[in-house]
Structure formats: C-alpha cells, structure tokens
C-alpha cells in the first residue's frame, strides 16, 4: 500500500520499465512471458531486477520497498485483500496457463512416464519458448 506509482494511473509499460522489480529467475516460463510483453512493445525489459522464486522473500521485498513484483494474479489479489500490497493499475498481457509435471523422486520412472513427460516438455517448449 502507498506505492508512488499508484498516483500515476493509468500506467504504461514505459512508466514501470525503470522501476526496481522482483522477478522469477531467468529461464522460467513466467519470466519469459513477462519479458516478451516488453519486447512486443519495443521496450527493453526492466534491468533493475532482483531474481527469486521464494514467495516469502518476494513478500518481504515488496512490503519494505517500492519494488514491483511479478506475481500470479490470484496471489497478488490475495495479498491486496489483506492489505499487504497494492495491485498497480497496469494491464499486461502476461497470462499463464496452469500446468506442471509432478513425479516421484524416490523411484525410477517407467519408459511410458518418460515418453509422456518428454512430450509435455516438447509441447510446452513450442508454446512458451522455455521449459524447466
């Protein structure tokens, strides 16, 4: 709450480009999508960046500074409802699909599991450009 950019509504990508950001690590799907939004607007992605995927660390950074965080919309809205953060009035076409592969680490995977996981990763690579 009380972020200085709240007074500048509506915001554009150019307005937030030079801000300090908390972002997912390079190579992650969300980071890739986020950077594409700037590239499509013929802007360089923000350079003043702290990279982390640790939600508690992200929360502390945005509570104690004027940094902007890249968060899933449901997480940002949850925090906003509890007065922890404000959601900036900035439209970004950076929607994420929910997907993932969850496997057991204490057992070998069958060949069928490996084939399916490889197919999912290949499809994700085509759609998102990166795969973890």
Protein backbone atom coordinates (compact mmCIF):
# COMPACT_ATOMS: atom_id res chain seq x y z
CA UNK A 1 0.00 0.00 0.00
CA UNK A 2 1.12 3.53 -0.71
CA UNK A 3 3.29 2.76 -3.74
CA UNK A 4 4.24 6.01 -5.54
CA UNK A 5 3.13 4.65 -8.93
CA UNK A 6 -0.45 4.32 -7.68
CA UNK A 7 -0.85 8.08 -8.18
CA UNK A 8 0.06 7.80 -11.87
CA UNK A 9 -2.85 5.66 -13.02
CA UNK A 10 -3.27 4.53 -15.69
CA UNK A 11 0.24 3.17 -16.09
CA UNK A 12 2.06 2.09 -19.21
CA UNK A 13 4.98 -0.29 -19.63
CA UNK A 14 7.25 2.70 -20.19
CA UNK A 15 6.17 4.06 -16.77
CA UNK A 16 7.36 0.92 -14.97
CA UNK A 17 10.33 -0.04 -17.14
CA UNK A 18 12.90 1.73 -14.95
CA UNK A 19 11.37 0.66 -11.64
CA UNK A 20 13.03 -1.86 -9.35
CA UNK A 21 11.48 -5.28 -9.94
CA UNK A 22 11.33 -8.63 -8.16
CA UNK A 23 11.13 -11.28 -10.86
CA UNK A 24 11.16 -15.02 -11.28
CA UNK A 25 14.57 -16.41 -12.25
CA UNK A 26 15.75 -16.09 -15.84
CA UNK A 27 14.72 -19.13 -17.83
CA UNK A 28 11.40 -19.56 -16.05
CA UNK A 29 8.20 -19.53 -18.08
CA UNK A 30 6.74 -16.52 -16.25
CA UNK A 31 9.95 -14.52 -16.72
CA UNK A 32 9.98 -15.36 -20.42
CA UNK A 33 6.36 -14.28 -20.83
CA UNK A 34 7.00 -11.09 -18.84
CA UNK A 35 9.98 -10.10 -20.99
CA UNK A 36 8.00 -10.83 -24.17
CA UNK A 37 5.42 -8.23 -23.10
CA UNK A 38 8.12 -5.55 -23.12
CA UNK A 39 9.71 -6.80 -26.34
CA UNK A 40 6.35 -6.71 -28.13
CA UNK A 41 6.03 -3.07 -27.05
CA UNK A 42 9.52 -2.37 -28.48
CA UNK A 43 10.89 -1.79 -24.98
CA UNK A 44 13.80 -3.42 -23.22
CA UNK A 45 12.73 -5.48 -20.21
CA UNK A 46 13.50 -3.90 -16.83
CA UNK A 47 17.17 -4.06 -15.86
CA UNK A 48 16.89 -3.18 -12.16
CA UNK A 49 15.95 -6.68 -11.06
CA UNK A 50 16.16 -8.99 -8.06
CA UNK A 51 15.59 -12.60 -9.13
CA UNK A 52 13.89 -15.05 -6.80
CA UNK A 53 11.14 -17.62 -6.75
CA UNK A 54 10.86 -17.55 -2.94
CA UNK A 55 7.41 -16.14 -2.16
CA UNK A 56 8.31 -15.15 1.40
CA UNK A 57 11.35 -13.19 0.17
CA UNK A 58 9.26 -11.54 -2.56
CA UNK A 59 6.66 -10.55 0.02
CA UNK A 60 9.28 -9.01 2.32
CA UNK A 61 10.90 -7.07 -0.52
CA UNK A 62 7.67 -5.50 -1.72
CA UNK A 63 6.47 -4.77 1.82
CA UNK A 64 9.72 -2.98 2.73
CA UNK A 65 10.41 -1.11 -0.51
CA UNK A 66 8.85 0.40 -3.61
CA UNK A 67 9.83 -2.59 -5.72
CA UNK A 68 7.33 -4.09 -8.13
CA UNK A 69 6.87 -7.86 -8.19
CA UNK A 70 5.77 -10.23 -10.90
CA UNK A 71 3.17 -12.39 -9.18
CA UNK A 72 0.39 -14.68 -10.23
CA UNK A 73 -2.81 -12.63 -10.26
CA UNK A 74 -4.51 -14.74 -7.59
CA UNK A 75 -1.52 -14.30 -5.25
CA UNK A 76 -1.44 -10.53 -5.81
CA UNK A 77 -5.18 -10.20 -5.23
CA UNK A 78 -4.97 -12.31 -2.05
CA UNK A 79 -2.22 -10.08 -0.67
CA UNK A 80 -4.14 -6.95 -1.69
CA UNK A 81 -7.28 -8.15 0.12
CA UNK A 82 -5.20 -8.49 3.28
CA UNK A 83 -3.62 -5.04 2.90
CA UNK A 84 -0.14 -6.39 2.28
CA UNK A 85 0.31 -4.99 -1.24
CA UNK A 86 -1.43 -2.80 -3.77
CA UNK A 87 -2.01 -4.01 -7.30
CA UNK A 88 -0.79 -1.41 -9.75
CA UNK A 89 -3.21 -0.34 -12.49
CA UNK A 90 -1.16 -1.80 -15.33
CA UNK A 91 -2.55 -4.09 -17.98
CA UNK A 92 -0.04 -6.72 -19.05
CA UNK A 93 -0.83 -9.48 -21.49
CA UNK A 94 1.19 -11.96 -19.49
CA UNK A 95 -1.33 -14.65 -18.64
CA UNK A 96 -0.07 -18.02 -17.51
CA UNK A 97 -1.64 -21.38 -18.04
CA UNK A 98 -1.61 -23.79 -15.12
CA UNK A 99 0.47 -26.84 -15.94
CA UNK A 100 3.18 -28.96 -14.48
CA UNK A 101 4.71 -32.38 -14.19
CA UNK A 102 4.81 -33.97 -10.76
CA UNK A 103 6.73 -37.21 -10.35
CA UNK A 104 8.16 -39.25 -7.53
CA UNK A 105 11.85 -38.79 -6.87
CA UNK A 106 12.34 -41.97 -4.86
CA UNK A 107 11.58 -44.37 -7.75
CA UNK A 108 12.63 -44.91 -11.31
CA UNK A 109 10.10 -43.81 -13.91
CA UNK A 110 8.70 -46.27 -16.40
CA UNK A 111 9.50 -45.71 -20.08
CA UNK A 112 5.88 -44.63 -20.61
CA UNK A 113 6.23 -41.91 -17.96
CA UNK A 114 9.43 -40.65 -19.58
CA UNK A 115 7.84 -40.59 -23.05
CA UNK A 116 4.82 -38.67 -21.74
CA UNK A 117 6.95 -36.19 -19.77
CA UNK A 118 9.16 -35.59 -22.83
CA UNK A 119 6.07 -34.97 -24.98
CA UNK A 120 4.68 -32.47 -22.45
CA UNK A 121 8.03 -30.66 -22.28
CA UNK A 122 8.25 -30.51 -26.08
CA UNK A 123 4.74 -29.07 -26.33
CA UNK A 124 5.50 -26.53 -23.61
CA UNK A 125 8.72 -25.54 -25.38
CA UNK A 126 6.75 -24.83 -28.57
CA UNK A 127 4.14 -22.76 -26.76
CA UNK A 128 6.23 -20.98 -24.12
CA UNK A 129 9.73 -20.98 -25.57
CA UNK A 130 11.33 -22.32 -22.39
CA UNK A 131 10.86 -25.34 -20.19
CA UNK A 132 12.21 -26.07 -16.74
